[in-house]
Structure formats: structure tokens, C-alpha cells
Amino acid sequence: MGFSSSAASWKAMNIYRNLLKAVRKHVGKEDYKRHFTEFVTQEFRKSSSISDHSVIKQKLKLARDYTLHLNSLHYHKELLYSYNVAIDRSDEMKKVLGKSAASVGLQLPEVYQP
């Protein structure tokens, strides 16, 4: 293994880490969504046994593009929320109010819903 091989594996690991972080943040960490992270992990493990460098490059590009796509969709959604574009913001406002209250040491009461 030369320098380029270790640099390439470091780059692949960085892409893998960023993709997993994006999936956990934007798709979710709940147990019923675990199959998303498991799929990503399986694909990267399968790629480690591939010897064709062009296939590996394609898969890494796909992973980078998908990470960018997830992050961009989340950013776009946040922009829509901030511009108040026909989206129900009640859940988002509860989060913002909860964070604001927590920053001064308070906790919002639970609202009773029959």
C-alpha cells in the first residue's frame, strides 16, 4: 500500500462518514429507519472488496452526490420554513420555542390534546 492508496481510503472513509451523518440527521435515527444506515454500511463494505477502480470512483461519486442531495433538501426545507411558504410550521415552532425556553433554564409544559 502506497501513499495514494491510504489517501484514497481516507477519502472514502470521509465520504462514508459524511453520508452516514447526513442520513442520521435528515432521515432519522429511529429503529424503524435503521435499514437506511444499514444499507449504506453494506454498500461501503461491498465496495471494499471491489478491485475495479472505476467502479469504486462511481460509487464514491454517487455517495457524495447523495450526501449533497440530502443536505440540500434539508436546507431547502428550512428556507421554505423561514419564508413561511404554505407549510404547517406548528411542529417547527414548538421546537424553536422549546430551545428558547431551555436556553434560559425553563421547560415548556405539555399541551393537553384530547
PDB file of N, CA and C in Angstrom:
ATOM      1  N   MET A   1       0.839  -1.191   0.000  1.00  0.00           N
ATOM      2  CA  MET A   1       0.000   0.000   0.000  1.00  0.00           C
ATOM      3  C   MET A   1       0.872   1.237   0.000  1.00  0.00           C
ATOM      4  N   GLY A   2       0.676   2.071  -0.989  1.00  0.00           N
ATOM      5  CA  GLY A   2       1.432   3.305  -1.065  1.00  0.00           C
ATOM      6  C   GLY A   2       0.649   4.462  -0.473  1.00  0.00           C
ATOM      7  N   PHE A   3       1.206   5.632  -0.659  1.00  0.00           N
ATOM      8  CA  PHE A   3       0.579   6.846  -0.138  1.00  0.00           C
ATOM      9  C   PHE A   3      -0.780   7.089  -0.768  1.00  0.00           C
ATOM     10  N   SER A   4      -0.873   6.874  -2.094  1.00  0.00           N
ATOM     11  CA  SER A   4      -2.138   7.143  -2.786  1.00  0.00           C
ATOM     12  C   SER A   4      -3.240   6.202  -2.328  1.00  0.00           C
ATOM     13  N   SER A   5      -2.861   4.972  -1.990  1.00  0.00           N
ATOM     14  CA  SER A   5      -3.854   4.013  -1.514  1.00  0.00           C
ATOM     15  C   SER A   5      -4.410   4.420  -0.157  1.00  0.00           C
ATOM     16  N   SER A   6      -3.541   4.852   0.743  1.00  0.00           N
ATOM     17  CA  SER A   6      -4.018   5.276   2.064  1.00  0.00           C
ATOM     18  C   SER A   6      -4.787   6.582   1.958  1.00  0.00           C
ATOM     19  N   ALA A   7      -4.378   7.464   1.066  1.00  0.00           N
ATOM     20  CA  ALA A   7      -5.107   8.718   0.866  1.00  0.00           C
ATOM     21  C   ALA A   7      -6.489   8.439   0.284  1.00  0.00           C
ATOM     22  N   ALA A   8      -6.555   7.478  -0.619  1.00  0.00           N
ATOM     23  CA  ALA A   8      -7.845   7.117  -1.220  1.00  0.00           C
ATOM     24  C   ALA A   8      -8.760   6.470  -0.192  1.00  0.00           C
ATOM     25  N   SER A   9      -8.216   5.628   0.671  1.00  0.00           N
ATOM     26  CA  SER A   9      -9.058   5.001   1.689  1.00  0.00           C
ATOM     27  C   SER A   9      -9.513   6.027   2.722  1.00  0.00           C
ATOM     28  N   TRP A  10      -8.656   6.997   3.038  1.00  0.00           N
ATOM     29  CA  TRP A  10      -9.059   8.073   3.952  1.00  0.00           C
ATOM     30  C   TRP A  10     -10.193   8.887   3.331  1.00  0.00           C
ATOM     31  N   LYS A  11     -10.081   9.173   2.041  1.00  0.00           N
ATOM     32  CA  LYS A  11     -11.119   9.934   1.336  1.00  0.00           C
ATOM     33  C   LYS A  11     -12.434   9.160   1.329  1.00  0.00           C
ATOM     34  N   ALA A  12     -12.356   7.857   1.072  1.00  0.00           N
ATOM     35  CA  ALA A  12     -13.562   7.021   1.060  1.00  0.00           C
ATOM     36  C   ALA A  12     -14.197   6.988   2.444  1.00  0.00           C
ATOM     37  N   MET A  13     -13.384   6.899   3.492  1.00  0.00           N
ATOM     38  CA  MET A  13     -13.903   6.874   4.856  1.00  0.00           C
ATOM     39  C   MET A  13     -14.569   8.209   5.195  1.00  0.00           C
ATOM     40  N   ASN A  14     -13.991   9.295   4.739  1.00  0.00           N
ATOM     41  CA  ASN A  14     -14.577  10.615   4.967  1.00  0.00           C
ATOM     42  C   ASN A  14     -15.932  10.746   4.267  1.00  0.00           C
ATOM     43  N   ILE A  15     -16.028  10.243   3.036  1.00  0.00           N
ATOM     44  CA  ILE A  15     -17.292  10.272   2.300  1.00  0.00           C
ATOM     45  C   ILE A  15     -18.328   9.414   3.020  1.00  0.00           C
ATOM     46  N   TYR A  16     -17.907   8.241   3.478  1.00  0.00           N
ATOM     47  CA  TYR A  16     -18.793   7.334   4.220  1.00  0.00           C
ATOM     48  C   TYR A  16     -19.308   8.003   5.499  1.00  0.00           C
ATOM     49  N   ARG A  17     -18.414   8.627   6.240  1.00  0.00           N
ATOM     50  CA  ARG A  17     -18.784   9.290   7.491  1.00  0.00           C
ATOM     51  C   ARG A  17     -19.780  10.427   7.233  1.00  0.00           C
ATOM     52  N   ASN A  18     -19.517  11.226   6.200  1.00  0.00           N
ATOM     53  CA  ASN A  18     -20.425  12.332   5.873  1.00  0.00           C
ATOM     54  C   ASN A  18     -21.799  11.836   5.436  1.00  0.00           C
ATOM     55  N   LEU A  19     -21.819  10.751   4.664  1.00  0.00           N
ATOM     56  CA  LEU A  19     -23.093  10.194   4.222  1.00  0.00           C
ATOM     57  C   LEU A  19     -23.891   9.647   5.405  1.00  0.00           C
ATOM     58  N   LEU A  20     -23.230   8.916   6.293  1.00  0.00           N
ATOM     59  CA  LEU A  20     -23.937   8.403   7.469  1.00  0.00           C
ATOM     60  C   LEU A  20     -24.464   9.527   8.346  1.00  0.00           C
ATOM     61  N   LYS A  21     -23.677  10.579   8.494  1.00  0.00           N
ATOM     62  CA  LYS A  21     -24.112  11.717   9.298  1.00  0.00           C
ATOM     63  C   LYS A  21     -25.348  12.370   8.675  1.00  0.00           C
ATOM     64  N   ALA A  22     -25.351  12.534   7.358  1.00  0.00           N
ATOM     65  CA  ALA A  22     -26.495  13.136   6.666  1.00  0.00           C
ATOM     66  C   ALA A  22     -27.732  12.251   6.780  1.00  0.00           C
ATOM     67  N   VAL A  23     -27.560  10.952   6.630  1.00  0.00           N
ATOM     68  CA  VAL A  23     -28.698  10.030   6.724  1.00  0.00           C
ATOM     69  C   VAL A  23     -29.282  10.059   8.133  1.00  0.00           C
ATOM     70  N   ARG A  24     -28.422  10.011   9.136  1.00  0.00           N
ATOM     71  CA  ARG A  24     -28.919  10.042  10.523  1.00  0.00           C
ATOM     72  C   ARG A  24     -29.611  11.361  10.846  1.00  0.00           C
ATOM     73  N   LYS A  25     -29.077  12.454  10.330  1.00  0.00           N
ATOM     74  CA  LYS A  25     -29.636  13.772  10.643  1.00  0.00           C
ATOM     75  C   LYS A  25     -30.943  14.035   9.899  1.00  0.00           C
ATOM     76  N   HIS A  26     -30.993  13.696   8.624  1.00  0.00           N
ATOM     77  CA  HIS A  26     -32.130  14.080   7.801  1.00  0.00           C
ATOM     78  C   HIS A  26     -33.167  12.974   7.607  1.00  0.00           C
ATOM     79  N   VAL A  27     -32.751  11.721   7.681  1.00  0.00           N
ATOM     80  CA  VAL A  27     -33.706  10.622   7.553  1.00  0.00           C
ATOM     81  C   VAL A  27     -34.191  10.208   8.928  1.00  0.00           C
ATOM     82  N   GLY A  28     -33.270  10.082   9.869  1.00  0.00           N
ATOM     83  CA  GLY A  28     -33.645   9.765  11.238  1.00  0.00           C
ATOM     84  C   GLY A  28     -32.826   8.647  11.830  1.00  0.00           C
ATOM     85  N   LYS A  29     -32.827   8.594  13.158  1.00  0.00           N
ATOM     86  CA  LYS A  29     -32.065   7.586  13.890  1.00  0.00           C
ATOM     87  C   LYS A  29     -32.962   6.509  14.485  1.00  0.00           C
ATOM     88  N   GLU A  30     -34.261   6.635  14.326  1.00  0.00           N
ATOM     89  CA  GLU A  30     -35.190   5.707  14.958  1.00  0.00           C
ATOM     90  C   GLU A  30     -34.960   4.282  14.475  1.00  0.00           C
ATOM     91  N   ASP A  31     -35.382   3.324  15.296  1.00  0.00           N
ATOM     92  CA  ASP A  31     -35.177   1.911  14.970  1.00  0.00           C
ATOM     93  C   ASP A  31     -35.852   1.511  13.663  1.00  0.00           C
ATOM     94  N   TYR A  32     -37.036   2.054  13.393  1.00  0.00           N
ATOM     95  CA  TYR A  32     -37.735   1.648  12.171  1.00  0.00           C
ATOM     96  C   TYR A  32     -37.117   2.271  10.916  1.00  0.00           C
ATOM     97  N   LYS A  33     -36.129   3.146  11.087  1.00  0.00           N
ATOM     98  CA  LYS A  33     -35.415   3.730   9.945  1.00  0.00           C
ATOM     99  C   LYS A  33     -33.980   3.218   9.857  1.00  0.00           C
ATOM    100  N   ARG A  34     -33.657   2.244  10.660  1.00  0.00           N
ATOM    101  CA  ARG A  34     -32.291   1.723  10.724  1.00  0.00           C
ATOM    102  C   ARG A  34     -31.841   1.130   9.393  1.00  0.00           C
ATOM    103  N   HIS A  35     -32.765   0.644   8.592  1.00  0.00           N
ATOM    104  CA  HIS A  35     -32.379  -0.002   7.336  1.00  0.00           C
ATOM    105  C   HIS A  35     -31.660   0.955   6.382  1.00  0.00           C
ATOM    106  N   PHE A  36     -31.879   2.267   6.529  1.00  0.00           N
ATOM    107  CA  PHE A  36     -31.173   3.228   5.681  1.00  0.00           C
ATOM    108  C   PHE A  36     -29.671   3.217   5.991  1.00  0.00           C
ATOM    109  N   THR A  37     -29.337   3.319   7.276  1.00  0.00           N
ATOM    110  CA  THR A  37     -27.919   3.310   7.646  1.00  0.00           C
ATOM    111  C   THR A  37     -27.291   1.945   7.405  1.00  0.00           C
ATOM    112  N   GLU A  38     -28.052   0.887   7.598  1.00  0.00           N
ATOM    113  CA  GLU A  38     -27.518  -0.456   7.341  1.00  0.00           C
ATOM    114  C   GLU A  38     -27.208  -0.645   5.854  1.00  0.00           C
ATOM    115  N   PHE A  39     -28.065  -0.094   4.983  1.00  0.00           N
ATOM    116  CA  PHE A  39     -27.822  -0.191   3.546  1.00  0.00           C
ATOM    117  C   PHE A  39     -26.534   0.528   3.165  1.00  0.00           C
ATOM    118  N   VAL A  40     -26.344   1.733   3.698  1.00  0.00           N
ATOM    119  CA  VAL A  40     -25.132   2.496   3.402  1.00  0.00           C
ATOM    120  C   VAL A  40     -23.900   1.721   3.863  1.00  0.00           C
ATOM    121  N   THR A  41     -23.965   1.174   5.061  1.00  0.00           N
ATOM    122  CA  THR A  41     -22.840   0.418   5.602  1.00  0.00           C
ATOM    123  C   THR A  41     -22.537  -0.811   4.740  1.00  0.00           C
ATOM    124  N   GLN A  42     -23.576  -1.530   4.335  1.00  0.00           N
ATOM    125  CA  GLN A  42     -23.374  -2.720   3.496  1.00  0.00           C
ATOM    126  C   GLN A  42     -22.744  -2.363   2.156  1.00  0.00           C
ATOM    127  N   GLU A  43     -23.209  -1.273   1.556  1.00  0.00           N
ATOM    128  CA  GLU A  43     -22.667  -0.867   0.253  1.00  0.00           C
ATOM    129  C   GLU A  43     -21.190  -0.495   0.363  1.00  0.00           C
ATOM    130  N   PHE A  44     -20.810   0.201   1.430  1.00  0.00           N
ATOM    131  CA  PHE A  44     -19.406   0.549   1.583  1.00  0.00           C
ATOM    132  C   PHE A  44     -18.559  -0.678   1.876  1.00  0.00           C
ATOM    133  N   ARG A  45     -19.095  -1.631   2.600  1.00  0.00           N
ATOM    134  CA  ARG A  45     -18.341  -2.862   2.863  1.00  0.00           C
ATOM    135  C   ARG A  45     -18.168  -3.668   1.576  1.00  0.00           C
ATOM    136  N   LYS A  46     -19.220  -3.698   0.744  1.00  0.00           N
ATOM    137  CA  LYS A  46     -19.111  -4.413  -0.540  1.00  0.00           C
ATOM    138  C   LYS A  46     -18.074  -3.747  -1.428  1.00  0.00           C
ATOM    139  N   SER A  47     -18.016  -2.415  -1.385  1.00  0.00           N
ATOM    140  CA  SER A  47     -17.089  -1.673  -2.234  1.00  0.00           C
ATOM    141  C   SER A  47     -15.640  -1.920  -1.855  1.00  0.00           C
ATOM    142  N   SER A  48     -15.395  -2.278  -0.605  1.00  0.00           N
ATOM    143  CA  SER A  48     -14.009  -2.513  -0.188  1.00  0.00           C
ATOM    144  C   SER A  48     -13.421  -3.757  -0.847  1.00  0.00           C
ATOM    145  N   SER A  49     -14.270  -4.661  -1.314  1.00  0.00           N
ATOM    146  CA  SER A  49     -13.769  -5.882  -1.961  1.00  0.00           C
ATOM    147  C   SER A  49     -13.684  -5.743  -3.486  1.00  0.00           C
ATOM    148  N   ILE A  50     -14.106  -4.629  -4.030  1.00  0.00           N
ATOM    149  CA  ILE A  50     -14.066  -4.411  -5.483  1.00  0.00           C
ATOM    150  C   ILE A  50     -12.663  -3.953  -5.876  1.00  0.00           C
ATOM    151  N   SER A  51     -12.124  -4.542  -6.927  1.00  0.00           N
ATOM    152  CA  SER A  51     -10.777  -4.168  -7.368  1.00  0.00           C
ATOM    153  C   SER A  51     -10.788  -3.187  -8.534  1.00  0.00           C
ATOM    154  N   ASP A  52     -11.919  -3.012  -9.200  1.00  0.00           N
ATOM    155  CA  ASP A  52     -12.024  -2.098 -10.338  1.00  0.00           C
ATOM    156  C   ASP A  52     -12.149  -0.666  -9.830  1.00  0.00           C
ATOM    157  N   HIS A  53     -11.122   0.141 -10.075  1.00  0.00           N
ATOM    158  CA  HIS A  53     -11.081   1.499  -9.546  1.00  0.00           C
ATOM    159  C   HIS A  53     -12.156   2.408 -10.139  1.00  0.00           C
ATOM    160  N   SER A  54     -12.560   2.150 -11.378  1.00  0.00           N
ATOM    161  CA  SER A  54     -13.591   2.998 -11.984  1.00  0.00           C
ATOM    162  C   SER A  54     -14.944   2.772 -11.306  1.00  0.00           C
ATOM    163  N   VAL A  55     -15.218   1.545 -10.899  1.00  0.00           N
ATOM    164  CA  VAL A  55     -16.467   1.244 -10.194  1.00  0.00           C
ATOM    165  C   VAL A  55     -16.453   1.894  -8.814  1.00  0.00           C
ATOM    166  N   ILE A  56     -15.302   1.825  -8.152  1.00  0.00           N
ATOM    167  CA  ILE A  56     -15.179   2.447  -6.832  1.00  0.00           C
ATOM    168  C   ILE A  56     -15.374   3.958  -6.937  1.00  0.00           C
ATOM    169  N   LYS A  57     -14.760   4.567  -7.952  1.00  0.00           N
ATOM    170  CA  LYS A  57     -14.921   6.013  -8.146  1.00  0.00           C
ATOM    171  C   LYS A  57     -16.388   6.375  -8.389  1.00  0.00           C
ATOM    172  N   GLN A  58     -17.084   5.555  -9.179  1.00  0.00           N
ATOM    173  CA  GLN A  58     -18.504   5.807  -9.446  1.00  0.00           C
ATOM    174  C   GLN A  58     -19.316   5.736  -8.152  1.00  0.00           C
ATOM    175  N   LYS A  59     -19.050   4.723  -7.342  1.00  0.00           N
ATOM    176  CA  LYS A  59     -19.798   4.562  -6.090  1.00  0.00           C
ATOM    177  C   LYS A  59     -19.502   5.700  -5.121  1.00  0.00           C
ATOM    178  N   LEU A  60     -18.258   6.135  -5.041  1.00  0.00           N
ATOM    179  CA  LEU A  60     -17.918   7.252  -4.164  1.00  0.00           C
ATOM    180  C   LEU A  60     -18.561   8.544  -4.640  1.00  0.00           C
ATOM    181  N   LYS A  61     -18.598   8.735  -5.959  1.00  0.00           N
ATOM    182  CA  LYS A  61     -19.262   9.928  -6.500  1.00  0.00           C
ATOM    183  C   LYS A  61     -20.751   9.883  -6.190  1.00  0.00           C
ATOM    184  N   LEU A  62     -21.354   8.715  -6.333  1.00  0.00           N
ATOM    185  CA  LEU A  62     -22.769   8.560  -6.016  1.00  0.00           C
ATOM    186  C   LEU A  62     -23.025   8.868  -4.539  1.00  0.00           C
ATOM    187  N   ALA A  63     -22.163   8.387  -3.665  1.00  0.00           N
ATOM    188  CA  ALA A  63     -22.316   8.644  -2.230  1.00  0.00           C
ATOM    189  C   ALA A  63     -22.173  10.126  -1.925  1.00  0.00           C
ATOM    190  N   ARG A  64     -21.190  10.783  -2.537  1.00  0.00           N
ATOM    191  CA  ARG A  64     -21.010  12.230  -2.350  1.00  0.00           C
ATOM    192  C   ARG A  64     -22.223  13.002  -2.855  1.00  0.00           C
ATOM    193  N   ASP A  65     -22.715  12.613  -4.028  1.00  0.00           N
ATOM    194  CA  ASP A  65     -23.875  13.289  -4.608  1.00  0.00           C
ATOM    195  C   ASP A  65     -25.122  13.100  -3.744  1.00  0.00           C
ATOM    196  N   TYR A  66     -25.295  11.901  -3.202  1.00  0.00           N
ATOM    197  CA  TYR A  66     -26.463  11.646  -2.363  1.00  0.00           C
ATOM    198  C   TYR A  66     -26.379  12.434  -1.054  1.00  0.00           C
ATOM    199  N   THR A  67     -25.171  12.549  -0.498  1.00  0.00           N
ATOM    200  CA  THR A  67     -24.978  13.363   0.704  1.00  0.00           C
ATOM    201  C   THR A  67     -25.339  14.807   0.413  1.00  0.00           C
ATOM    202  N   LEU A  68     -24.855  15.319  -0.694  1.00  0.00           N
ATOM    203  CA  LEU A  68     -25.179  16.693  -1.086  1.00  0.00           C
ATOM    204  C   LEU A  68     -26.680  16.856  -1.292  1.00  0.00           C
ATOM    205  N   HIS A  69     -27.310  15.859  -1.892  1.00  0.00           N
ATOM    206  CA  HIS A  69     -28.751  15.901  -2.134  1.00  0.00           C
ATOM    207  C   HIS A  69     -29.530  15.958  -0.817  1.00  0.00           C
ATOM    208  N   LEU A  70     -29.187  15.103   0.128  1.00  0.00           N
ATOM    209  CA  LEU A  70     -29.875  15.106   1.427  1.00  0.00           C
ATOM    210  C   LEU A  70     -29.700  16.438   2.144  1.00  0.00           C
ATOM    211  N   ASN A  71     -28.465  16.932   2.176  1.00  0.00           N
ATOM    212  CA  ASN A  71     -28.212  18.201   2.855  1.00  0.00           C
ATOM    213  C   ASN A  71     -28.921  19.357   2.157  1.00  0.00           C
ATOM    214  N   SER A  72     -28.959  19.335   0.838  1.00  0.00           N
ATOM    215  CA  SER A  72     -29.617  20.405   0.085  1.00  0.00           C
ATOM    216  C   SER A  72     -31.131  20.378   0.285  1.00  0.00           C
ATOM    217  N   LEU A  73     -31.718  19.190   0.312  1.00  0.00           N
ATOM    218  CA  LEU A  73     -33.156  19.091   0.568  1.00  0.00           C
ATOM    219  C   LEU A  73     -33.507  19.644   1.949  1.00  0.00           C
ATOM    220  N   HIS A  74     -32.688  19.315   2.942  1.00  0.00           N
ATOM    221  CA  HIS A  74     -32.921  19.813   4.293  1.00  0.00           C
ATOM    222  C   HIS A  74     -32.795  21.337   4.329  1.00  0.00           C
ATOM    223  N   TYR A  75     -31.765  21.863   3.668  1.00  0.00           N
ATOM    224  CA  TYR A  75     -31.567  23.309   3.621  1.00  0.00           C
ATOM    225  C   TYR A  75     -32.730  23.989   2.909  1.00  0.00           C
ATOM    226  N   HIS A  76     -33.204  23.397   1.826  1.00  0.00           N
ATOM    227  CA  HIS A  76     -34.333  23.953   1.080  1.00  0.00           C
ATOM    228  C   HIS A  76     -35.591  23.981   1.942  1.00  0.00           C
ATOM    229  N   LYS A  77     -35.818  22.917   2.669  1.00  0.00           N
ATOM    230  CA  LYS A  77     -36.974  22.841   3.566  1.00  0.00           C
ATOM    231  C   LYS A  77     -36.889  23.929   4.633  1.00  0.00           C
ATOM    232  N   GLU A  78     -35.694  24.128   5.184  1.00  0.00           N
ATOM    233  CA  GLU A  78     -35.507  25.179   6.180  1.00  0.00           C
ATOM    234  C   GLU A  78     -35.763  26.564   5.584  1.00  0.00           C
ATOM    235  N   LEU A  79     -35.347  26.766   4.349  1.00  0.00           N
ATOM    236  CA  LEU A  79     -35.629  28.040   3.686  1.00  0.00           C
ATOM    237  C   LEU A  79     -37.129  28.254   3.511  1.00  0.00           C
ATOM    238  N   LEU A  80     -37.829  27.190   3.110  1.00  0.00           N
ATOM    239  CA  LEU A  80     -39.280  27.306   2.962  1.00  0.00           C
ATOM    240  C   LEU A  80     -39.939  27.653   4.293  1.00  0.00           C
ATOM    241  N   TYR A  81     -39.458  27.028   5.367  1.00  0.00           N
ATOM    242  CA  TYR A  81     -39.985  27.355   6.695  1.00  0.00           C
ATOM    243  C   TYR A  81     -39.717  28.818   7.039  1.00  0.00           C
ATOM    244  N   SER A  82     -38.518  29.266   6.757  1.00  0.00           N
ATOM    245  CA  SER A  82     -38.170  30.632   7.132  1.00  0.00           C
ATOM    246  C   SER A  82     -38.958  31.662   6.336  1.00  0.00           C
ATOM    247  N   TYR A  83     -39.329  31.326   5.108  1.00  0.00           N
ATOM    248  CA  TYR A  83     -40.126  32.250   4.302  1.00  0.00           C
ATOM    249  C   TYR A  83     -41.623  32.026   4.476  1.00  0.00           C
ATOM    250  N   ASN A  84     -41.988  31.060   5.321  1.00  0.00           N
ATOM    251  CA  ASN A  84     -43.384  30.792   5.629  1.00  0.00           C
ATOM    252  C   ASN A  84     -44.198  30.460   4.379  1.00  0.00           C
ATOM    253  N   VAL A  85     -43.717  29.536   3.595  1.00  0.00           N
ATOM    254  CA  VAL A  85     -44.338  29.189   2.331  1.00  0.00           C
ATOM    255  C   VAL A  85     -45.271  27.993   2.514  1.00  0.00           C
ATOM    256  N   ALA A  86     -46.515  28.239   2.777  1.00  0.00           N
ATOM    257  CA  ALA A  86     -47.593  27.245   2.782  1.00  0.00           C
ATOM    258  C   ALA A  86     -47.214  25.909   3.405  1.00  0.00           C
ATOM    259  N   ILE A  87     -46.510  25.957   4.503  1.00  0.00           N
ATOM    260  CA  ILE A  87     -46.126  24.742   5.198  1.00  0.00           C
ATOM    261  C   ILE A  87     -46.569  24.881   6.643  1.00  0.00           C
ATOM    262  N   ASP A  88     -47.111  23.809   7.179  1.00  0.00           N
ATOM    263  CA  ASP A  88     -47.525  23.824   8.578  1.00  0.00           C
ATOM    264  C   ASP A  88     -46.278  23.898   9.447  1.00  0.00           C
ATOM    265  N   ARG A  89     -46.123  24.987  10.156  1.00  0.00           N
ATOM    266  CA  ARG A  89     -44.916  25.219  10.941  1.00  0.00           C
ATOM    267  C   ARG A  89     -45.127  24.984  12.428  1.00  0.00           C
ATOM    268  N   SER A  90     -46.246  24.434  12.825  1.00  0.00           N
ATOM    269  CA  SER A  90     -46.521  24.307  14.252  1.00  0.00           C
ATOM    270  C   SER A  90     -45.478  23.445  14.960  1.00  0.00           C
ATOM    271  N   ASP A  91     -45.091  22.325  14.361  1.00  0.00           N
ATOM    272  CA  ASP A  91     -44.078  21.474  14.989  1.00  0.00           C
ATOM    273  C   ASP A  91     -42.726  22.189  15.047  1.00  0.00           C
ATOM    274  N   GLU A  92     -42.392  22.895  13.979  1.00  0.00           N
ATOM    275  CA  GLU A  92     -41.124  23.617  13.943  1.00  0.00           C
ATOM    276  C   GLU A  92     -41.107  24.733  14.989  1.00  0.00           C
ATOM    277  N   MET A  93     -42.225  25.418  15.134  1.00  0.00           N
ATOM    278  CA  MET A  93     -42.297  26.497  16.122  1.00  0.00           C
ATOM    279  C   MET A  93     -42.200  25.942  17.539  1.00  0.00           C
ATOM    280  N   LYS A  94     -42.770  24.771  17.785  1.00  0.00           N
ATOM    281  CA  LYS A  94     -42.652  24.143  19.109  1.00  0.00           C
ATOM    282  C   LYS A  94     -41.191  23.859  19.433  1.00  0.00           C
ATOM    283  N   LYS A  95     -40.430  23.383  18.436  1.00  0.00           N
ATOM    284  CA  LYS A  95     -39.018  23.114  18.650  1.00  0.00           C
ATOM    285  C   LYS A  95     -38.266  24.397  18.976  1.00  0.00           C
ATOM    286  N   VAL A  96     -38.542  25.455  18.212  1.00  0.00           N
ATOM    287  CA  VAL A  96     -37.860  26.730  18.420  1.00  0.00           C
ATOM    288  C   VAL A  96     -38.189  27.293  19.794  1.00  0.00           C
ATOM    289  N   LEU A  97     -39.467  27.257  20.164  1.00  0.00           N
ATOM    290  CA  LEU A  97     -39.864  27.757  21.477  1.00  0.00           C
ATOM    291  C   LEU A  97     -39.261  26.914  22.593  1.00  0.00           C
ATOM    292  N   GLY A  98     -39.220  25.607  22.398  1.00  0.00           N
ATOM    293  CA  GLY A  98     -38.620  24.724  23.396  1.00  0.00           C
ATOM    294  C   GLY A  98     -37.138  25.008  23.590  1.00  0.00           C
ATOM    295  N   LYS A  99     -36.424  25.242  22.479  1.00  0.00           N
ATOM    296  CA  LYS A  99     -34.996  25.566  22.572  1.00  0.00           C
ATOM    297  C   LYS A  99     -34.790  26.914  23.240  1.00  0.00           C
ATOM    298  N   SER A 100     -35.656  27.879  22.922  1.00  0.00           N
ATOM    299  CA  SER A 100     -35.541  29.202  23.545  1.00  0.00           C
ATOM    300  C   SER A 100     -35.778  29.115  25.046  1.00  0.00           C
ATOM    301  N   ALA A 101     -36.793  28.369  25.445  1.00  0.00           N
ATOM    302  CA  ALA A 101     -37.080  28.208  26.870  1.00  0.00           C
ATOM    303  C   ALA A 101     -35.941  27.475  27.567  1.00  0.00           C
ATOM    304  N   ALA A 102     -35.400  26.448  26.919  1.00  0.00           N
ATOM    305  CA  ALA A 102     -34.305  25.681  27.519  1.00  0.00           C
ATOM    306  C   ALA A 102     -33.048  26.530  27.685  1.00  0.00           C
ATOM    307  N   SER A 103     -32.854  27.498  26.794  1.00  0.00           N
ATOM    308  CA  SER A 103     -31.653  28.326  26.887  1.00  0.00           C
ATOM    309  C   SER A 103     -31.639  29.208  28.124  1.00  0.00           C
ATOM    310  N   VAL A 104     -32.816  29.464  28.714  1.00  0.00           N
ATOM    311  CA  VAL A 104     -32.879  30.254  29.952  1.00  0.00           C
ATOM    312  C   VAL A 104     -33.263  29.379  31.142  1.00  0.00           C
ATOM    313  N   GLY A 105     -33.204  28.058  30.955  1.00  0.00           N
ATOM    314  CA  GLY A 105     -33.428  27.137  32.057  1.00  0.00           C
ATOM    315  C   GLY A 105     -34.877  26.793  32.327  1.00  0.00           C
ATOM    316  N   LEU A 106     -35.755  27.042  31.386  1.00  0.00           N
ATOM    317  CA  LEU A 106     -37.168  26.716  31.552  1.00  0.00           C
ATOM    318  C   LEU A 106     -37.548  25.549  30.656  1.00  0.00           C
ATOM    319  N   GLN A 107     -38.719  24.993  30.949  1.00  0.00           N
ATOM    320  CA  GLN A 107     -39.234  23.902  30.129  1.00  0.00           C
ATOM    321  C   GLN A 107     -40.696  24.198  29.831  1.00  0.00           C
ATOM    322  N   LEU A 108     -41.072  24.095  28.561  1.00  0.00           N
ATOM    323  CA  LEU A 108     -42.466  24.344  28.181  1.00  0.00           C
ATOM    324  C   LEU A 108     -43.355  23.214  28.689  1.00  0.00           C
ATOM    325  N   PRO A 109     -44.561  23.529  29.158  1.00  0.00           N
ATOM    326  CA  PRO A 109     -45.461  22.477  29.594  1.00  0.00           C
ATOM    327  C   PRO A 109     -46.012  21.703  28.412  1.00  0.00           C
ATOM    328  N   GLU A 110     -46.378  20.461  28.659  1.00  0.00           N
ATOM    329  CA  GLU A 110     -47.020  19.651  27.638  1.00  0.00           C
ATOM    330  C   GLU A 110     -48.441  20.152  27.434  1.00  0.00           C
ATOM    331  N   VAL A 111     -48.849  20.278  26.194  1.00  0.00           N
ATOM    332  CA  VAL A 111     -50.203  20.773  25.886  1.00  0.00           C
ATOM    333  C   VAL A 111     -51.144  19.575  25.827  1.00  0.00           C
ATOM    334  N   TYR A 112     -52.244  19.682  26.551  1.00  0.00           N
ATOM    335  CA  TYR A 112     -53.232  18.600  26.565  1.00  0.00           C
ATOM    336  C   TYR A 112     -53.970  18.562  25.257  1.00  0.00           C
ATOM    337  N   GLN A 113     -54.036  17.373  24.638  1.00  0.00           N
ATOM    338  CA  GLN A 113     -54.778  17.204  23.397  1.00  0.00           C
ATOM    339  C   GLN A 113     -55.713  16.025  23.577  1.00  0.00           C
ATOM    340  N   PRO A 114     -57.020  16.270  23.623  1.00  0.00           N
ATOM    341  CA  PRO A 114     -57.976  15.167  23.845  1.00  0.00           C
ATOM    342  C   PRO A 114     -58.019  14.180  22.710  1.00  0.00           C
TER     343      PRO A 114
END
